[in-house]
Amino acid sequence: MCEETKTGAQSGTASTAGVGGVSADPYGGVAATDWERRVAAVWAALDRTVEARGEAGFRAAVDALAAELPPGSALADFERACAYDSTGHSDRAVPLYRSALATGLTGLRRRRAVIQLSSSLRNVGGATESVRLLRAELAVPYDELDEPARALDDAVRAVLALALTDTGREREAVSLVLGALARHLPRYQRSMAAYARLLVEPESTEPRPADAEPGQPRPADPEPAEPRPAVRPAPGP
């Protein structure tokens, strides 16, 4: 699972401190803005490149750009991992994601690497590790994430829900997704969040609105029912 949409400074780079002898400059003297622009162009042309040159041709285009960076570059490993991931080779992507994270990937790319590594692990029988990685990612303090990385919170939860399903924890998966969805609803946010909790707290009773006193009858839901639209057949292809 890899979708390239935005690169450059906001995408995150490698740590500028230098890791294991890697240059403190993650681009190794290559003009960063130009390199990011060319990476973005290669990804924007993914479908056209695959059609013209095959999946191997696309991976070669990414690899050529990655080869411009210093040996052991976290950025290079990440982009190569994405190329394998996008062409259906999760087994080849996993070690490259691991290397990129271990070498000091930061910012948006770091969070994307965690999400994509976890997704790839599901495909190679590593759903349990996927759950562990994504649980840890959700526990990262919010102030340690930049805004683009924070925007992927629900993506973390979505992949975690899939991994939970793979490990036989379907109710927990539905609870997680429903809780995430509740925040985006124009109505029924409180009710849906409460029902999400009930899925994983079977000993709880039906949630009572915050303004209801213990022992008192539950007041009517203040949110009026909305008419259900007629079901229409999906448009044809």
C-alpha atoms as a PDB file:
ATOM      1  CA  MET A   1       0.000   0.000   0.000  1.00  0.00           C
ATOM      2  CA  CYS A   2       1.698   3.173  -1.156  1.00  0.00           C
ATOM      3  CA  GLU A   3       0.171   6.346  -2.542  1.00  0.00           C
ATOM      4  CA  GLU A   4       2.527   9.184  -3.373  1.00  0.00           C
ATOM      5  CA  THR A   5       0.722  12.512  -3.284  1.00  0.00           C
ATOM      6  CA  LYS A   6       3.004  15.126  -1.843  1.00  0.00           C
ATOM      7  CA  THR A   7       6.746  15.362  -1.532  1.00  0.00           C
ATOM      8  CA  GLY A   8       9.243  17.997  -0.543  1.00  0.00           C
ATOM      9  CA  ALA A   9       9.903  19.582   2.821  1.00  0.00           C
ATOM     10  CA  GLN A  10       6.507  18.661   4.219  1.00  0.00           C
ATOM     11  CA  SER A  11       6.974  15.022   3.348  1.00  0.00           C
ATOM     12  CA  GLY A  12       9.718  14.470   5.887  1.00  0.00           C
ATOM     13  CA  THR A  13      13.319  13.563   5.260  1.00  0.00           C
ATOM     14  CA  ALA A  14      15.981  11.672   7.129  1.00  0.00           C
ATOM     15  CA  SER A  15      17.411  12.898  10.387  1.00  0.00           C
ATOM     16  CA  THR A  16      19.937  15.657   9.809  1.00  0.00           C
ATOM     17  CA  ALA A  17      22.030  14.400  12.731  1.00  0.00           C
ATOM     18  CA  GLY A  18      23.555  11.593  10.708  1.00  0.00           C
ATOM     19  CA  VAL A  19      23.032   7.937  11.628  1.00  0.00           C
ATOM     20  CA  GLY A  20      25.592   5.163  11.418  1.00  0.00           C
ATOM     21  CA  GLY A  21      28.016   7.199   9.338  1.00  0.00           C
ATOM     22  CA  VAL A  22      25.372   8.470   6.933  1.00  0.00           C
ATOM     23  CA  SER A  23      25.871  12.054   5.786  1.00  0.00           C
ATOM     24  CA  ALA A  24      24.167  14.691   7.934  1.00  0.00           C
ATOM     25  CA  ASP A  25      22.685  15.979   4.678  1.00  0.00           C
ATOM     26  CA  PRO A  26      20.039  13.392   3.717  1.00  0.00           C
ATOM     27  CA  TYR A  27      20.346  14.450   0.081  1.00  0.00           C
ATOM     28  CA  GLY A  28      24.137  14.129   0.022  1.00  0.00           C
ATOM     29  CA  GLY A  29      24.642  17.401  -1.802  1.00  0.00           C
ATOM     30  CA  VAL A  30      21.898  16.779  -4.353  1.00  0.00           C
ATOM     31  CA  ALA A  31      19.607  19.809  -4.706  1.00  0.00           C
ATOM     32  CA  ALA A  32      16.738  18.803  -2.422  1.00  0.00           C
ATOM     33  CA  THR A  33      13.981  20.781  -4.116  1.00  0.00           C
ATOM     34  CA  ASP A  34      14.939  19.507  -7.565  1.00  0.00           C
ATOM     35  CA  TRP A  35      15.207  15.910  -6.364  1.00  0.00           C
ATOM     36  CA  GLU A  36      11.815  16.052  -4.673  1.00  0.00           C
ATOM     37  CA  ARG A  37      10.296  17.581  -7.806  1.00  0.00           C
ATOM     38  CA  ARG A  38      11.656  14.761  -9.949  1.00  0.00           C
ATOM     39  CA  VAL A  39      10.470  12.124  -7.478  1.00  0.00           C
ATOM     40  CA  ALA A  40       6.988  13.657  -7.554  1.00  0.00           C
ATOM     41  CA  ALA A  41       7.028  13.590 -11.365  1.00  0.00           C
ATOM     42  CA  VAL A  42       7.987   9.904 -11.457  1.00  0.00           C
ATOM     43  CA  TRP A  43       5.150   8.996  -9.106  1.00  0.00           C
ATOM     44  CA  ALA A  44       2.660  11.152 -11.000  1.00  0.00           C
ATOM     45  CA  ALA A  45       3.530   9.159 -14.126  1.00  0.00           C
ATOM     46  CA  LEU A  46       3.238   5.741 -12.434  1.00  0.00           C
ATOM     47  CA  ASP A  47       0.364   4.413 -14.557  1.00  0.00           C
ATOM     48  CA  ARG A  48       1.823   5.720 -17.816  1.00  0.00           C
ATOM     49  CA  THR A  49       5.253   4.302 -17.006  1.00  0.00           C
ATOM     50  CA  VAL A  50       3.877   0.880 -16.103  1.00  0.00           C
ATOM     51  CA  GLU A  51       1.862   0.821 -19.322  1.00  0.00           C
ATOM     52  CA  ALA A  52       4.878   1.761 -21.428  1.00  0.00           C
ATOM     53  CA  ARG A  53       7.730   0.028 -19.597  1.00  0.00           C
ATOM     54  CA  GLY A  54       6.118  -2.418 -17.198  1.00  0.00           C
ATOM     55  CA  GLU A  55       6.342  -2.501 -13.425  1.00  0.00           C
ATOM     56  CA  ALA A  56      10.064  -3.204 -13.578  1.00  0.00           C
ATOM     57  CA  GLY A  57      10.488  -0.057 -15.665  1.00  0.00           C
ATOM     58  CA  PHE A  58       8.731   2.021 -13.040  1.00  0.00           C
ATOM     59  CA  ARG A  59      10.858   0.564 -10.259  1.00  0.00           C
ATOM     60  CA  ALA A  60      13.958   1.307 -12.318  1.00  0.00           C
ATOM     61  CA  ALA A  61      12.904   4.962 -12.624  1.00  0.00           C
ATOM     62  CA  VAL A  62      12.509   5.233  -8.841  1.00  0.00           C
ATOM     63  CA  ASP A  63      15.756   3.361  -8.247  1.00  0.00           C
ATOM     64  CA  ALA A  64      17.662   5.751 -10.514  1.00  0.00           C
ATOM     65  CA  LEU A  65      16.563   8.686  -8.370  1.00  0.00           C
ATOM     66  CA  ALA A  66      17.279   6.801  -5.152  1.00  0.00           C
ATOM     67  CA  ALA A  67      20.779   6.025  -6.414  1.00  0.00           C
ATOM     68  CA  GLU A  68      21.570   9.755  -6.506  1.00  0.00           C
ATOM     69  CA  LEU A  69      21.413   9.859  -2.698  1.00  0.00           C
ATOM     70  CA  PRO A  70      24.171   8.768  -0.295  1.00  0.00           C
ATOM     71  CA  PRO A  71      24.631   5.047   0.437  1.00  0.00           C
ATOM     72  CA  GLY A  72      22.328   3.935   3.233  1.00  0.00           C
ATOM     73  CA  SER A  73      19.978   6.878   2.679  1.00  0.00           C
ATOM     74  CA  ALA A  74      16.670   6.573   4.529  1.00  0.00           C
ATOM     75  CA  LEU A  75      14.995   8.543   1.747  1.00  0.00           C
ATOM     76  CA  ALA A  76      16.321   6.169  -0.896  1.00  0.00           C
ATOM     77  CA  ASP A  77      15.175   3.093   1.010  1.00  0.00           C
ATOM     78  CA  PHE A  78      11.739   4.602   1.554  1.00  0.00           C
ATOM     79  CA  GLU A  79      11.203   5.456  -2.115  1.00  0.00           C
ATOM     80  CA  ARG A  80      12.424   2.026  -3.213  1.00  0.00           C
ATOM     81  CA  ALA A  81      10.090   0.406  -0.689  1.00  0.00           C
ATOM     82  CA  CYS A  82       7.179   2.428  -2.053  1.00  0.00           C
ATOM     83  CA  ALA A  83       8.024   1.337  -5.591  1.00  0.00           C
ATOM     84  CA  TYR A  84       8.004  -2.349  -4.636  1.00  0.00           C
ATOM     85  CA  ASP A  85       4.872  -1.853  -2.555  1.00  0.00           C
ATOM     86  CA  SER A  86       3.001  -0.125  -5.375  1.00  0.00           C
ATOM     87  CA  THR A  87       3.831  -2.927  -7.796  1.00  0.00           C
ATOM     88  CA  GLY A  88       2.678  -5.757  -5.546  1.00  0.00           C
ATOM     89  CA  HIS A  89       5.921  -6.861  -3.901  1.00  0.00           C
ATOM     90  CA  SER A  90       5.230  -6.491  -0.191  1.00  0.00           C
ATOM     91  CA  ASP A  91       7.971  -8.994   0.634  1.00  0.00           C
ATOM     92  CA  ARG A  92      10.588  -6.757  -1.000  1.00  0.00           C
ATOM     93  CA  ALA A  93       9.127  -3.593   0.494  1.00  0.00           C
ATOM     94  CA  VAL A  94       9.178  -4.718   4.150  1.00  0.00           C
ATOM     95  CA  PRO A  95      12.976  -4.799   4.681  1.00  0.00           C
ATOM     96  CA  LEU A  96      13.378  -1.453   2.916  1.00  0.00           C
ATOM     97  CA  TYR A  97      10.739   0.200   5.113  1.00  0.00           C
ATOM     98  CA  ARG A  98      12.486  -1.236   8.167  1.00  0.00           C
ATOM     99  CA  SER A  99      15.825   0.112   6.985  1.00  0.00           C
ATOM    100  CA  ALA A 100      14.400   3.568   6.276  1.00  0.00           C
ATOM    101  CA  LEU A 101      12.877   3.789   9.751  1.00  0.00           C
ATOM    102  CA  ALA A 102      16.033   2.503  11.432  1.00  0.00           C
ATOM    103  CA  THR A 103      18.196   4.991   9.529  1.00  0.00           C
ATOM    104  CA  GLY A 104      16.310   8.042  10.754  1.00  0.00           C
ATOM    105  CA  LEU A 105      13.329   8.837   8.531  1.00  0.00           C
ATOM    106  CA  THR A 106      11.336  11.739   9.982  1.00  0.00           C
ATOM    107  CA  GLY A 107       8.164  13.754   9.536  1.00  0.00           C
ATOM    108  CA  LEU A 108       5.414  12.698   7.160  1.00  0.00           C
ATOM    109  CA  ARG A 109       7.566  10.091   5.443  1.00  0.00           C
ATOM    110  CA  ARG A 110       8.290   8.409   8.789  1.00  0.00           C
ATOM    111  CA  ARG A 111       4.593   8.052   9.564  1.00  0.00           C
ATOM    112  CA  ARG A 112       3.852   6.882   6.033  1.00  0.00           C
ATOM    113  CA  ALA A 113       6.605   4.287   6.394  1.00  0.00           C
ATOM    114  CA  VAL A 114       5.018   2.947   9.593  1.00  0.00           C
ATOM    115  CA  ILE A 115       1.583   2.751   7.959  1.00  0.00           C
ATOM    116  CA  GLN A 116       2.864   1.175   4.757  1.00  0.00           C
ATOM    117  CA  LEU A 117       5.181  -1.252   6.548  1.00  0.00           C
ATOM    118  CA  SER A 118       2.261  -2.356   8.702  1.00  0.00           C
ATOM    119  CA  SER A 119       0.057  -2.819   5.652  1.00  0.00           C
ATOM    120  CA  SER A 120       2.756  -4.815   3.869  1.00  0.00           C
ATOM    121  CA  LEU A 121       3.286  -6.988   6.943  1.00  0.00           C
ATOM    122  CA  ARG A 122      -0.377  -8.015   6.722  1.00  0.00           C
ATOM    123  CA  ASN A 123       0.294  -9.303   3.229  1.00  0.00           C
ATOM    124  CA  VAL A 124       3.201 -11.490   4.351  1.00  0.00           C
ATOM    125  CA  GLY A 125       1.583 -12.993   7.437  1.00  0.00           C
ATOM    126  CA  GLY A 126       2.749 -10.403   9.949  1.00  0.00           C
ATOM    127  CA  ALA A 127      -0.586  -9.021  11.138  1.00  0.00           C
ATOM    128  CA  THR A 128       0.356  -9.366  14.816  1.00  0.00           C
ATOM    129  CA  GLU A 129       3.428  -7.190  14.330  1.00  0.00           C
ATOM    130  CA  SER A 130       1.300  -4.790  12.297  1.00  0.00           C
ATOM    131  CA  VAL A 131      -1.051  -4.358  15.270  1.00  0.00           C
ATOM    132  CA  ARG A 132       1.894  -3.716  17.584  1.00  0.00           C
ATOM    133  CA  LEU A 133       3.467  -1.115  15.292  1.00  0.00           C
ATOM    134  CA  LEU A 134       0.230   0.774  14.742  1.00  0.00           C
ATOM    135  CA  ARG A 135      -0.716   0.740  18.423  1.00  0.00           C
ATOM    136  CA  ALA A 136       2.668   2.300  19.143  1.00  0.00           C
ATOM    137  CA  GLU A 137       2.126   4.858  16.382  1.00  0.00           C
ATOM    138  CA  LEU A 138      -1.204   5.936  17.861  1.00  0.00           C
ATOM    139  CA  ALA A 139       0.580   6.425  21.186  1.00  0.00           C
ATOM    140  CA  VAL A 140       3.093   8.926  19.753  1.00  0.00           C
ATOM    141  CA  PRO A 141       2.510  12.273  21.542  1.00  0.00           C
ATOM    142  CA  TYR A 142       0.599  14.649  19.301  1.00  0.00           C
ATOM    143  CA  ASP A 143       3.101  17.456  19.784  1.00  0.00           C
ATOM    144  CA  GLU A 144       5.817  15.249  18.285  1.00  0.00           C
ATOM    145  CA  LEU A 145       3.965  15.071  14.960  1.00  0.00           C
ATOM    146  CA  ASP A 146       3.877  17.803  12.345  1.00  0.00           C
ATOM    147  CA  GLU A 147       0.567  18.777  10.781  1.00  0.00           C
ATOM    148  CA  PRO A 148       0.874  16.595   7.643  1.00  0.00           C
ATOM    149  CA  ALA A 149       1.674  13.577   9.833  1.00  0.00           C
ATOM    150  CA  ARG A 150      -1.270  14.302  12.134  1.00  0.00           C
ATOM    151  CA  ALA A 151      -3.547  14.272   9.104  1.00  0.00           C
ATOM    152  CA  LEU A 152      -2.819  10.540   8.756  1.00  0.00           C
ATOM    153  CA  ASP A 153      -4.310   9.618  12.150  1.00  0.00           C
ATOM    154  CA  ASP A 154      -7.335   7.967  10.574  1.00  0.00           C
ATOM    155  CA  ALA A 155      -5.138   6.132   8.077  1.00  0.00           C
ATOM    156  CA  VAL A 156      -3.270   4.620  11.028  1.00  0.00           C
ATOM    157  CA  ARG A 157      -6.593   3.517  12.511  1.00  0.00           C
ATOM    158  CA  ALA A 158      -7.854   2.136   9.201  1.00  0.00           C
ATOM    159  CA  VAL A 159      -4.846  -0.126   8.694  1.00  0.00           C
ATOM    160  CA  LEU A 160      -4.926  -1.100  12.365  1.00  0.00           C
ATOM    161  CA  ALA A 161      -8.566  -2.143  11.936  1.00  0.00           C
ATOM    162  CA  LEU A 162      -7.587  -4.369   9.016  1.00  0.00           C
ATOM    163  CA  ALA A 163      -4.773  -5.927  11.035  1.00  0.00           C
ATOM    164  CA  LEU A 164      -7.094  -6.501  13.983  1.00  0.00           C
ATOM    165  CA  THR A 165      -9.507  -8.279  11.652  1.00  0.00           C
ATOM    166  CA  ASP A 166      -6.661 -10.478  10.428  1.00  0.00           C
ATOM    167  CA  THR A 167      -5.939 -11.476  14.029  1.00  0.00           C
ATOM    168  CA  GLY A 168      -9.556 -12.370  14.800  1.00  0.00           C
ATOM    169  CA  ARG A 169     -10.468  -9.197  16.686  1.00  0.00           C
ATOM    170  CA  GLU A 170     -13.285  -8.022  14.458  1.00  0.00           C
ATOM    171  CA  ARG A 171     -15.335  -6.252  17.143  1.00  0.00           C
ATOM    172  CA  GLU A 172     -12.314  -4.229  18.189  1.00  0.00           C
ATOM    173  CA  ALA A 173     -11.698  -3.370  14.535  1.00  0.00           C
ATOM    174  CA  VAL A 174     -15.265  -2.150  13.998  1.00  0.00           C
ATOM    175  CA  SER A 175     -15.099  -0.175  17.250  1.00  0.00           C
ATOM    176  CA  LEU A 176     -11.922   1.546  16.120  1.00  0.00           C
ATOM    177  CA  VAL A 177     -13.288   2.496  12.698  1.00  0.00           C
ATOM    178  CA  LEU A 178     -16.662   3.595  14.065  1.00  0.00           C
ATOM    179  CA  GLY A 179     -14.979   5.752  16.688  1.00  0.00           C
ATOM    180  CA  ALA A 180     -12.848   7.409  14.009  1.00  0.00           C
ATOM    181  CA  LEU A 181     -15.854   7.932  11.738  1.00  0.00           C
ATOM    182  CA  ALA A 182     -17.952   9.433  14.544  1.00  0.00           C
ATOM    183  CA  ARG A 183     -15.777  12.542  14.704  1.00  0.00           C
ATOM    184  CA  HIS A 184     -16.578  13.381  11.091  1.00  0.00           C
ATOM    185  CA  LEU A 185     -20.364  12.982  11.262  1.00  0.00           C
ATOM    186  CA  PRO A 186     -22.570  16.102  11.109  1.00  0.00           C
ATOM    187  CA  ARG A 187     -24.953  14.384  13.561  1.00  0.00           C
ATOM    188  CA  TYR A 188     -24.941  11.506  16.036  1.00  0.00           C
ATOM    189  CA  GLN A 189     -21.281  11.932  16.979  1.00  0.00           C
ATOM    190  CA  ARG A 190     -21.883  11.214  20.663  1.00  0.00           C
ATOM    191  CA  SER A 191     -24.156   8.248  20.014  1.00  0.00           C
ATOM    192  CA  MET A 192     -21.828   6.596  17.514  1.00  0.00           C
ATOM    193  CA  ALA A 193     -18.794   7.118  19.767  1.00  0.00           C
ATOM    194  CA  ALA A 194     -20.699   5.495  22.633  1.00  0.00           C
ATOM    195  CA  TYR A 195     -21.775   2.543  20.515  1.00  0.00           C
ATOM    196  CA  ALA A 196     -18.173   2.132  19.374  1.00  0.00           C
ATOM    197  CA  ARG A 197     -17.120   1.800  23.013  1.00  0.00           C
ATOM    198  CA  LEU A 198     -19.884  -0.724  23.690  1.00  0.00           C
ATOM    199  CA  LEU A 199     -18.440  -3.056  21.068  1.00  0.00           C
ATOM    200  CA  VAL A 200     -15.352  -3.572  23.221  1.00  0.00           C
ATOM    201  CA  GLU A 201     -17.000  -3.075  26.625  1.00  0.00           C
ATOM    202  CA  PRO A 202     -19.739  -5.735  26.648  1.00  0.00           C
ATOM    203  CA  GLU A 203     -20.294  -5.322  30.386  1.00  0.00           C
ATOM    204  CA  SER A 204     -21.473  -1.746  29.828  1.00  0.00           C
ATOM    205  CA  THR A 205     -25.136  -0.900  29.410  1.00  0.00           C
ATOM    206  CA  GLU A 206     -26.602   1.262  26.672  1.00  0.00           C
ATOM    207  CA  PRO A 207     -24.968   4.687  26.950  1.00  0.00           C
ATOM    208  CA  ARG A 208     -26.979   7.404  28.663  1.00  0.00           C
ATOM    209  CA  PRO A 209     -26.684  11.016  27.487  1.00  0.00           C
ATOM    210  CA  ALA A 210     -24.421  13.155  29.642  1.00  0.00           C
ATOM    211  CA  ASP A 211     -27.374  15.258  30.848  1.00  0.00           C
ATOM    212  CA  ALA A 212     -29.331  12.274  32.204  1.00  0.00           C
ATOM    213  CA  GLU A 213     -29.092  11.697  35.958  1.00  0.00           C
ATOM    214  CA  PRO A 214     -28.461   8.156  37.268  1.00  0.00           C
ATOM    215  CA  GLY A 215     -31.715   6.363  37.976  1.00  0.00           C
ATOM    216  CA  GLN A 216     -33.727   8.691  35.771  1.00  0.00           C
ATOM    217  CA  PRO A 217     -35.317   7.635  32.480  1.00  0.00           C
ATOM    218  CA  ARG A 218     -33.260   8.382  29.452  1.00  0.00           C
ATOM    219  CA  PRO A 219     -34.519  11.495  27.661  1.00  0.00           C
ATOM    220  CA  ALA A 220     -35.420  11.332  24.035  1.00  0.00           C
ATOM    221  CA  ASP A 221     -32.559  11.699  21.649  1.00  0.00           C
ATOM    222  CA  PRO A 222     -32.446  15.418  20.770  1.00  0.00           C
ATOM    223  CA  GLU A 223     -31.307  14.602  17.279  1.00  0.00           C
ATOM    224  CA  PRO A 224     -34.429  14.080  15.136  1.00  0.00           C
ATOM    225  CA  ALA A 225     -34.553  11.146  12.843  1.00  0.00           C
ATOM    226  CA  GLU A 226     -33.706  11.965   9.275  1.00  0.00           C
ATOM    227  CA  PRO A 227     -35.607  10.498   6.334  1.00  0.00           C
ATOM    228  CA  ARG A 228     -33.854   7.570   4.785  1.00  0.00           C
ATOM    229  CA  PRO A 229     -33.198   8.119   1.085  1.00  0.00           C
ATOM    230  CA  ALA A 230     -34.576   5.631  -1.365  1.00  0.00           C
ATOM    231  CA  VAL A 231     -32.055   3.034  -2.435  1.00  0.00           C
ATOM    232  CA  ARG A 232     -31.073   3.539  -6.032  1.00  0.00           C
ATOM    233  CA  PRO A 233     -29.170   1.064  -8.148  1.00  0.00           C
ATOM    234  CA  ALA A 234     -25.529   1.932  -8.694  1.00  0.00           C
ATOM    235  CA  PRO A 235     -24.764   3.418 -12.097  1.00  0.00           C
ATOM    236  CA  GLY A 236     -23.442   1.010 -14.655  1.00  0.00           C
ATOM    237  CA  PRO A 237     -19.799   0.901 -15.712  1.00  0.00           C
END
